[in-house]
Amino acid sequence: MNIDFARQQMIDQQVRAWTVLDPAVLAALSAVPREEFVPANYESMAFADMEIPLGHGEFMMTPTVEGRVLQALELNSNEDVLEIGTGSGFLTACLAKLSGTVTSVDIHEDFVRSAARKLTNARIGNVELQTLDATRELPDGRYDAIAVTGSIERFDPRFVDALKPGGRLFVVVGMPPVMEARLVRRTADTDWRSEVLFETSLAPLVHGTLPPQFVF
């Protein structure tokens, strides 16, 4: 497989086609070696428009959704970003290319260890990784942008609380088969607004689903 050709086809035929046109986002997707972040034996599928299994019932986002996440957050090079769900580390690397610092948390310790190795190999050093259940606690501090890479059934206002005024949050809310990808902006200390960007279906965060409800 011609890696460079496949990467460019991914960007031109998939990502651009889904209205991801920000030059900085396209440059980040081009610069980060996606084939080095997929699990072993999936290198040939690295640039396919599919969710790639990572283990623990988790999946890499498709390239199109990754592009939409990065574009929606409108990142600047001096901003602090929180990623909830490190996964493969690929989106982490792209966030790091577009921002000042990235704090990325994942509940699975093996994901964090694997992502640390891959980020080091890609010479990306502005990332702090933590093993953490973000449905129970969040890292200290407030952020300019937050990317939640797994879905949640019900919106969690703690994520807005972790934003600085003017900060942006990307999150997917709802239940399969159709969920809403939302961009939430914190407009003031006590106010925020939300818009639906598109419909999708995304694997939930661990503990991101509600317990079964009794029906009477």
C-alpha atoms as a PDB file:
ATOM      1  CA  MET A   1       0.000   0.000   0.000  1.00  0.00           C
ATOM      2  CA  ASN A   2       1.220   3.490  -0.862  1.00  0.00           C
ATOM      3  CA  ILE A   3       0.830   5.119   2.547  1.00  0.00           C
ATOM      4  CA  ASP A   4       1.105   8.727   1.400  1.00  0.00           C
ATOM      5  CA  PHE A   5      -1.409   8.197  -1.408  1.00  0.00           C
ATOM      6  CA  ALA A   6      -3.865   6.431   0.934  1.00  0.00           C
ATOM      7  CA  ARG A   7      -3.559   9.234   3.488  1.00  0.00           C
ATOM      8  CA  GLN A   8      -4.228  11.896   0.868  1.00  0.00           C
ATOM      9  CA  GLN A   9      -7.206   9.942  -0.460  1.00  0.00           C
ATOM     10  CA  MET A  10      -8.602   9.773   3.081  1.00  0.00           C
ATOM     11  CA  ILE A  11      -8.324  13.539   3.395  1.00  0.00           C
ATOM     12  CA  ASP A  12      -9.633  14.381  -0.094  1.00  0.00           C
ATOM     13  CA  GLN A  13     -12.359  11.750  -0.531  1.00  0.00           C
ATOM     14  CA  GLN A  14     -13.613  11.350   3.042  1.00  0.00           C
ATOM     15  CA  VAL A  15     -12.726  14.270   5.293  1.00  0.00           C
ATOM     16  CA  ARG A  16     -13.096  17.146   2.812  1.00  0.00           C
ATOM     17  CA  ALA A  17     -16.270  15.551   1.457  1.00  0.00           C
ATOM     18  CA  TRP A  18     -17.833  15.919   4.911  1.00  0.00           C
ATOM     19  CA  THR A  19     -17.241  19.693   4.890  1.00  0.00           C
ATOM     20  CA  VAL A  20     -14.006  19.656   6.875  1.00  0.00           C
ATOM     21  CA  LEU A  21     -12.183  22.478   5.084  1.00  0.00           C
ATOM     22  CA  ASP A  22     -10.069  24.131   7.810  1.00  0.00           C
ATOM     23  CA  PRO A  23      -6.487  24.101   6.431  1.00  0.00           C
ATOM     24  CA  ALA A  24      -4.963  23.654   9.890  1.00  0.00           C
ATOM     25  CA  VAL A  25      -7.143  20.609  10.604  1.00  0.00           C
ATOM     26  CA  LEU A  26      -6.332  19.038   7.240  1.00  0.00           C
ATOM     27  CA  ALA A  27      -2.632  19.692   7.848  1.00  0.00           C
ATOM     28  CA  ALA A  28      -2.796  17.985  11.247  1.00  0.00           C
ATOM     29  CA  LEU A  29      -4.550  14.944   9.785  1.00  0.00           C
ATOM     30  CA  SER A  30      -1.880  14.798   7.112  1.00  0.00           C
ATOM     31  CA  ALA A  31       1.048  15.226   9.518  1.00  0.00           C
ATOM     32  CA  VAL A  32       0.097  12.620  12.136  1.00  0.00           C
ATOM     33  CA  PRO A  33       0.881   9.057  10.947  1.00  0.00           C
ATOM     34  CA  ARG A  34      -2.508   7.407  11.484  1.00  0.00           C
ATOM     35  CA  GLU A  35      -1.134   4.041  10.406  1.00  0.00           C
ATOM     36  CA  GLU A  36       1.136   4.067  13.474  1.00  0.00           C
ATOM     37  CA  PHE A  37      -1.766   4.604  15.885  1.00  0.00           C
ATOM     38  CA  VAL A  38      -4.074   1.782  14.762  1.00  0.00           C
ATOM     39  CA  PRO A  39      -3.791  -1.607  16.509  1.00  0.00           C
ATOM     40  CA  ALA A  40      -1.514  -4.284  15.083  1.00  0.00           C
ATOM     41  CA  ASN A  41      -2.948  -6.048  12.019  1.00  0.00           C
ATOM     42  CA  TYR A  42      -5.158  -3.056  11.174  1.00  0.00           C
ATOM     43  CA  GLU A  43      -2.533  -0.998   9.327  1.00  0.00           C
ATOM     44  CA  SER A  44      -4.177  -1.742   5.968  1.00  0.00           C
ATOM     45  CA  MET A  45      -7.435  -0.241   7.277  1.00  0.00           C
ATOM     46  CA  ALA A  46      -5.874   2.847   8.840  1.00  0.00           C
ATOM     47  CA  PHE A  47      -7.303   5.195   6.198  1.00  0.00           C
ATOM     48  CA  ALA A  48     -10.689   3.492   5.688  1.00  0.00           C
ATOM     49  CA  ASP A  49     -13.865   5.307   6.709  1.00  0.00           C
ATOM     50  CA  MET A  50     -14.608   2.812   9.459  1.00  0.00           C
ATOM     51  CA  GLU A  51     -14.419   2.477  13.216  1.00  0.00           C
ATOM     52  CA  ILE A  52     -11.414   0.317  14.116  1.00  0.00           C
ATOM     53  CA  PRO A  53     -11.711  -1.865  17.241  1.00  0.00           C
ATOM     54  CA  LEU A  54      -9.250  -1.100  20.020  1.00  0.00           C
ATOM     55  CA  GLY A  55     -10.306  -3.627  22.660  1.00  0.00           C
ATOM     56  CA  HIS A  56     -12.494  -3.252  25.758  1.00  0.00           C
ATOM     57  CA  GLY A  57     -15.433  -2.680  23.383  1.00  0.00           C
ATOM     58  CA  GLU A  58     -13.883   0.634  22.289  1.00  0.00           C
ATOM     59  CA  PHE A  59     -13.309   1.906  18.741  1.00  0.00           C
ATOM     60  CA  MET A  60     -11.317   4.578  16.923  1.00  0.00           C
ATOM     61  CA  MET A  61     -13.548   7.248  15.461  1.00  0.00           C
ATOM     62  CA  THR A  62     -13.808   7.326  11.690  1.00  0.00           C
ATOM     63  CA  PRO A  63     -11.548   9.890   9.967  1.00  0.00           C
ATOM     64  CA  THR A  64     -14.599  11.950   9.020  1.00  0.00           C
ATOM     65  CA  VAL A  65     -15.785  12.273  12.617  1.00  0.00           C
ATOM     66  CA  GLU A  66     -12.243  13.020  13.802  1.00  0.00           C
ATOM     67  CA  GLY A  67     -12.075  15.825  11.259  1.00  0.00           C
ATOM     68  CA  ARG A  68     -15.398  17.253  12.380  1.00  0.00           C
ATOM     69  CA  VAL A  69     -14.311  17.173  16.038  1.00  0.00           C
ATOM     70  CA  LEU A  70     -11.082  19.038  15.301  1.00  0.00           C
ATOM     71  CA  GLN A  71     -12.781  21.625  13.102  1.00  0.00           C
ATOM     72  CA  ALA A  72     -15.622  22.266  15.545  1.00  0.00           C
ATOM     73  CA  LEU A  73     -13.272  23.056  18.432  1.00  0.00           C
ATOM     74  CA  GLU A  74     -11.530  25.888  16.506  1.00  0.00           C
ATOM     75  CA  LEU A  75      -8.269  25.397  18.382  1.00  0.00           C
ATOM     76  CA  ASN A  76      -5.459  27.930  18.719  1.00  0.00           C
ATOM     77  CA  SER A  77      -1.824  27.195  19.401  1.00  0.00           C
ATOM     78  CA  ASN A  78      -1.888  28.753  22.879  1.00  0.00           C
ATOM     79  CA  GLU A  79      -4.928  26.871  24.205  1.00  0.00           C
ATOM     80  CA  ASP A  80      -5.241  24.129  26.838  1.00  0.00           C
ATOM     81  CA  VAL A  81      -7.297  21.108  25.781  1.00  0.00           C
ATOM     82  CA  LEU A  82      -8.833  18.231  27.723  1.00  0.00           C
ATOM     83  CA  GLU A  83      -9.537  14.988  25.883  1.00  0.00           C
ATOM     84  CA  ILE A  84     -11.840  12.493  27.579  1.00  0.00           C
ATOM     85  CA  GLY A  85     -11.044   9.087  26.118  1.00  0.00           C
ATOM     86  CA  THR A  86      -7.465   8.720  24.859  1.00  0.00           C
ATOM     87  CA  GLY A  87      -8.196   5.555  22.902  1.00  0.00           C
ATOM     88  CA  SER A  88      -5.533   4.953  20.256  1.00  0.00           C
ATOM     89  CA  GLY A  89      -3.904   8.347  20.828  1.00  0.00           C
ATOM     90  CA  PHE A  90      -4.417   9.488  17.224  1.00  0.00           C
ATOM     91  CA  LEU A  91      -6.933  12.222  17.988  1.00  0.00           C
ATOM     92  CA  THR A  92      -4.762  13.159  20.974  1.00  0.00           C
ATOM     93  CA  ALA A  93      -1.866  13.740  18.591  1.00  0.00           C
ATOM     94  CA  CYS A  94      -3.992  15.853  16.243  1.00  0.00           C
ATOM     95  CA  LEU A  95      -5.273  17.948  19.153  1.00  0.00           C
ATOM     96  CA  ALA A  96      -1.669  18.449  20.246  1.00  0.00           C
ATOM     97  CA  LYS A  97      -0.693  19.642  16.751  1.00  0.00           C
ATOM     98  CA  LEU A  98      -3.419  22.308  16.903  1.00  0.00           C
ATOM     99  CA  SER A  99      -3.170  23.522  20.503  1.00  0.00           C
ATOM    100  CA  GLY A 100      -0.730  24.466  23.245  1.00  0.00           C
ATOM    101  CA  THR A 101      -1.162  21.590  25.695  1.00  0.00           C
ATOM    102  CA  VAL A 102      -3.393  18.514  25.851  1.00  0.00           C
ATOM    103  CA  THR A 103      -4.436  16.613  28.957  1.00  0.00           C
ATOM    104  CA  SER A 104      -5.874  13.269  27.865  1.00  0.00           C
ATOM    105  CA  VAL A 105      -7.548  10.798  30.230  1.00  0.00           C
ATOM    106  CA  ASP A 106      -8.721   7.238  29.738  1.00  0.00           C
ATOM    107  CA  ILE A 107     -10.172   4.635  32.086  1.00  0.00           C
ATOM    108  CA  HIS A 108      -8.085   1.857  30.475  1.00  0.00           C
ATOM    109  CA  GLU A 109      -4.487   1.855  31.683  1.00  0.00           C
ATOM    110  CA  ASP A 110      -3.279  -0.192  28.697  1.00  0.00           C
ATOM    111  CA  PHE A 111      -4.671   2.460  26.305  1.00  0.00           C
ATOM    112  CA  VAL A 112      -2.735   5.133  28.185  1.00  0.00           C
ATOM    113  CA  ARG A 113       0.513   3.137  28.070  1.00  0.00           C
ATOM    114  CA  SER A 114       0.125   2.376  24.363  1.00  0.00           C
ATOM    115  CA  ALA A 115      -0.748   5.985  23.499  1.00  0.00           C
ATOM    116  CA  ALA A 116       2.284   7.227  25.455  1.00  0.00           C
ATOM    117  CA  ARG A 117       4.607   5.071  23.333  1.00  0.00           C
ATOM    118  CA  LYS A 118       2.989   6.124  20.074  1.00  0.00           C
ATOM    119  CA  LEU A 119       3.039   9.824  20.957  1.00  0.00           C
ATOM    120  CA  THR A 120       6.719   9.557  21.861  1.00  0.00           C
ATOM    121  CA  ASN A 121       7.465   7.831  18.551  1.00  0.00           C
ATOM    122  CA  ALA A 122       5.596  10.629  16.741  1.00  0.00           C
ATOM    123  CA  ARG A 123       7.698  13.205  18.647  1.00  0.00           C
ATOM    124  CA  ILE A 124       4.689  14.832  20.252  1.00  0.00           C
ATOM    125  CA  GLY A 125       5.597  16.131  23.692  1.00  0.00           C
ATOM    126  CA  ASN A 126       2.873  18.601  24.689  1.00  0.00           C
ATOM    127  CA  VAL A 127       0.525  15.915  26.037  1.00  0.00           C
ATOM    128  CA  GLU A 128      -0.089  14.765  29.617  1.00  0.00           C
ATOM    129  CA  LEU A 129      -1.780  11.362  29.927  1.00  0.00           C
ATOM    130  CA  GLN A 130      -3.738  10.171  32.957  1.00  0.00           C
ATOM    131  CA  THR A 131      -5.629   7.002  33.839  1.00  0.00           C
ATOM    132  CA  LEU A 132      -8.953   8.323  35.087  1.00  0.00           C
ATOM    133  CA  ASP A 133     -12.698   7.607  34.975  1.00  0.00           C
ATOM    134  CA  ALA A 134     -14.029  10.925  33.693  1.00  0.00           C
ATOM    135  CA  THR A 135     -17.611   9.999  34.536  1.00  0.00           C
ATOM    136  CA  ARG A 136     -16.580  10.118  38.212  1.00  0.00           C
ATOM    137  CA  GLU A 137     -13.908  12.827  38.297  1.00  0.00           C
ATOM    138  CA  LEU A 138     -12.071  15.251  36.028  1.00  0.00           C
ATOM    139  CA  PRO A 139      -8.528  16.619  36.181  1.00  0.00           C
ATOM    140  CA  ASP A 140      -8.080  19.836  38.118  1.00  0.00           C
ATOM    141  CA  GLY A 141      -8.179  23.084  36.201  1.00  0.00           C
ATOM    142  CA  ARG A 142     -10.250  24.642  33.446  1.00  0.00           C
ATOM    143  CA  TYR A 143      -9.748  24.293  29.726  1.00  0.00           C
ATOM    144  CA  ASP A 144     -10.205  26.233  26.507  1.00  0.00           C
ATOM    145  CA  ALA A 145     -11.600  23.163  24.770  1.00  0.00           C
ATOM    146  CA  ILE A 146     -12.802  19.677  25.699  1.00  0.00           C
ATOM    147  CA  ALA A 147     -13.239  16.731  23.329  1.00  0.00           C
ATOM    148  CA  VAL A 148     -15.288  13.784  24.590  1.00  0.00           C
ATOM    149  CA  THR A 149     -14.523  10.814  22.350  1.00  0.00           C
ATOM    150  CA  GLY A 150     -17.233   8.462  23.645  1.00  0.00           C
ATOM    151  CA  SER A 151     -20.958   9.077  23.823  1.00  0.00           C
ATOM    152  CA  ILE A 152     -23.011   9.740  26.937  1.00  0.00           C
ATOM    153  CA  GLU A 153     -26.727   9.104  27.256  1.00  0.00           C
ATOM    154  CA  ARG A 154     -27.453  12.301  29.166  1.00  0.00           C
ATOM    155  CA  PHE A 155     -25.605  15.613  29.026  1.00  0.00           C
ATOM    156  CA  ASP A 156     -23.161  16.081  31.908  1.00  0.00           C
ATOM    157  CA  PRO A 157     -22.879  19.747  33.036  1.00  0.00           C
ATOM    158  CA  ARG A 158     -19.571  18.986  34.797  1.00  0.00           C
ATOM    159  CA  PHE A 159     -17.926  19.199  31.387  1.00  0.00           C
ATOM    160  CA  VAL A 160     -19.134  22.792  30.986  1.00  0.00           C
ATOM    161  CA  ASP A 161     -17.915  23.581  34.503  1.00  0.00           C
ATOM    162  CA  ALA A 162     -14.441  22.493  33.387  1.00  0.00           C
ATOM    163  CA  LEU A 163     -14.406  25.069  30.562  1.00  0.00           C
ATOM    164  CA  LYS A 164     -13.028  28.559  30.763  1.00  0.00           C
ATOM    165  CA  PRO A 165     -15.443  31.320  29.675  1.00  0.00           C
ATOM    166  CA  GLY A 166     -15.364  31.217  25.898  1.00  0.00           C
ATOM    167  CA  GLY A 167     -14.378  27.544  25.937  1.00  0.00           C
ATOM    168  CA  ARG A 168     -15.802  24.913  23.594  1.00  0.00           C
ATOM    169  CA  LEU A 169     -16.945  21.358  24.261  1.00  0.00           C
ATOM    170  CA  PHE A 170     -17.525  18.611  21.671  1.00  0.00           C
ATOM    171  CA  VAL A 171     -19.714  15.796  22.969  1.00  0.00           C
ATOM    172  CA  VAL A 172     -22.024  13.128  21.526  1.00  0.00           C
ATOM    173  CA  VAL A 173     -25.248  12.683  23.488  1.00  0.00           C
ATOM    174  CA  GLY A 174     -28.054  10.149  23.198  1.00  0.00           C
ATOM    175  CA  MET A 175     -28.749   6.496  22.564  1.00  0.00           C
ATOM    176  CA  PRO A 176     -28.206   4.346  19.458  1.00  0.00           C
ATOM    177  CA  PRO A 177     -28.963   4.178  16.639  1.00  0.00           C
ATOM    178  CA  VAL A 178     -28.998   7.990  16.359  1.00  0.00           C
ATOM    179  CA  MET A 179     -27.143  10.390  18.648  1.00  0.00           C
ATOM    180  CA  GLU A 180     -26.454  14.122  18.474  1.00  0.00           C
ATOM    181  CA  ALA A 181     -22.941  15.508  18.096  1.00  0.00           C
ATOM    182  CA  ARG A 182     -23.055  18.832  19.915  1.00  0.00           C
ATOM    183  CA  LEU A 183     -20.806  21.845  20.249  1.00  0.00           C
ATOM    184  CA  VAL A 184     -21.285  23.615  23.563  1.00  0.00           C
ATOM    185  CA  ARG A 185     -19.846  27.090  24.157  1.00  0.00           C
ATOM    186  CA  ARG A 186     -19.444  28.543  27.623  1.00  0.00           C
ATOM    187  CA  THR A 187     -20.504  32.138  27.076  1.00  0.00           C
ATOM    188  CA  ALA A 188     -20.057  33.313  30.674  1.00  0.00           C
ATOM    189  CA  ASP A 189     -19.362  31.948  34.149  1.00  0.00           C
ATOM    190  CA  THR A 190     -22.992  30.932  34.550  1.00  0.00           C
ATOM    191  CA  ASP A 191     -24.199  30.589  30.971  1.00  0.00           C
ATOM    192  CA  TRP A 192     -23.632  28.344  27.960  1.00  0.00           C
ATOM    193  CA  ARG A 193     -25.271  27.483  24.656  1.00  0.00           C
ATOM    194  CA  SER A 194     -25.404  24.290  22.629  1.00  0.00           C
ATOM    195  CA  GLU A 195     -25.855  23.536  18.943  1.00  0.00           C
ATOM    196  CA  VAL A 196     -26.322  20.218  17.156  1.00  0.00           C
ATOM    197  CA  LEU A 197     -23.646  19.715  14.491  1.00  0.00           C
ATOM    198  CA  PHE A 198     -24.682  16.386  13.022  1.00  0.00           C
ATOM    199  CA  GLU A 199     -26.177  13.000  13.860  1.00  0.00           C
ATOM    200  CA  THR A 200     -23.965   9.975  14.449  1.00  0.00           C
ATOM    201  CA  SER A 201     -23.603   6.876  16.601  1.00  0.00           C
ATOM    202  CA  LEU A 202     -20.618   6.456  18.885  1.00  0.00           C
ATOM    203  CA  ALA A 203     -19.638   3.802  21.417  1.00  0.00           C
ATOM    204  CA  PRO A 204     -20.354   5.054  24.953  1.00  0.00           C
ATOM    205  CA  LEU A 205     -17.828   6.046  27.548  1.00  0.00           C
ATOM    206  CA  VAL A 206     -17.407   3.394  30.207  1.00  0.00           C
ATOM    207  CA  HIS A 207     -20.113   4.278  32.754  1.00  0.00           C
ATOM    208  CA  GLY A 208     -21.534   6.714  30.202  1.00  0.00           C
ATOM    209  CA  THR A 209     -24.787   4.780  29.895  1.00  0.00           C
ATOM    210  CA  LEU A 210     -27.627   5.033  32.377  1.00  0.00           C
ATOM    211  CA  PRO A 211     -28.587   1.996  34.489  1.00  0.00           C
ATOM    212  CA  PRO A 212     -31.615  -0.007  33.291  1.00  0.00           C
ATOM    213  CA  GLN A 213     -34.857   1.711  34.159  1.00  0.00           C
ATOM    214  CA  PHE A 214     -37.804  -0.107  35.727  1.00  0.00           C
ATOM    215  CA  VAL A 215     -41.012   0.143  33.744  1.00  0.00           C
ATOM    216  CA  PHE A 216     -44.288  -0.043  35.669  1.00  0.00           C
END
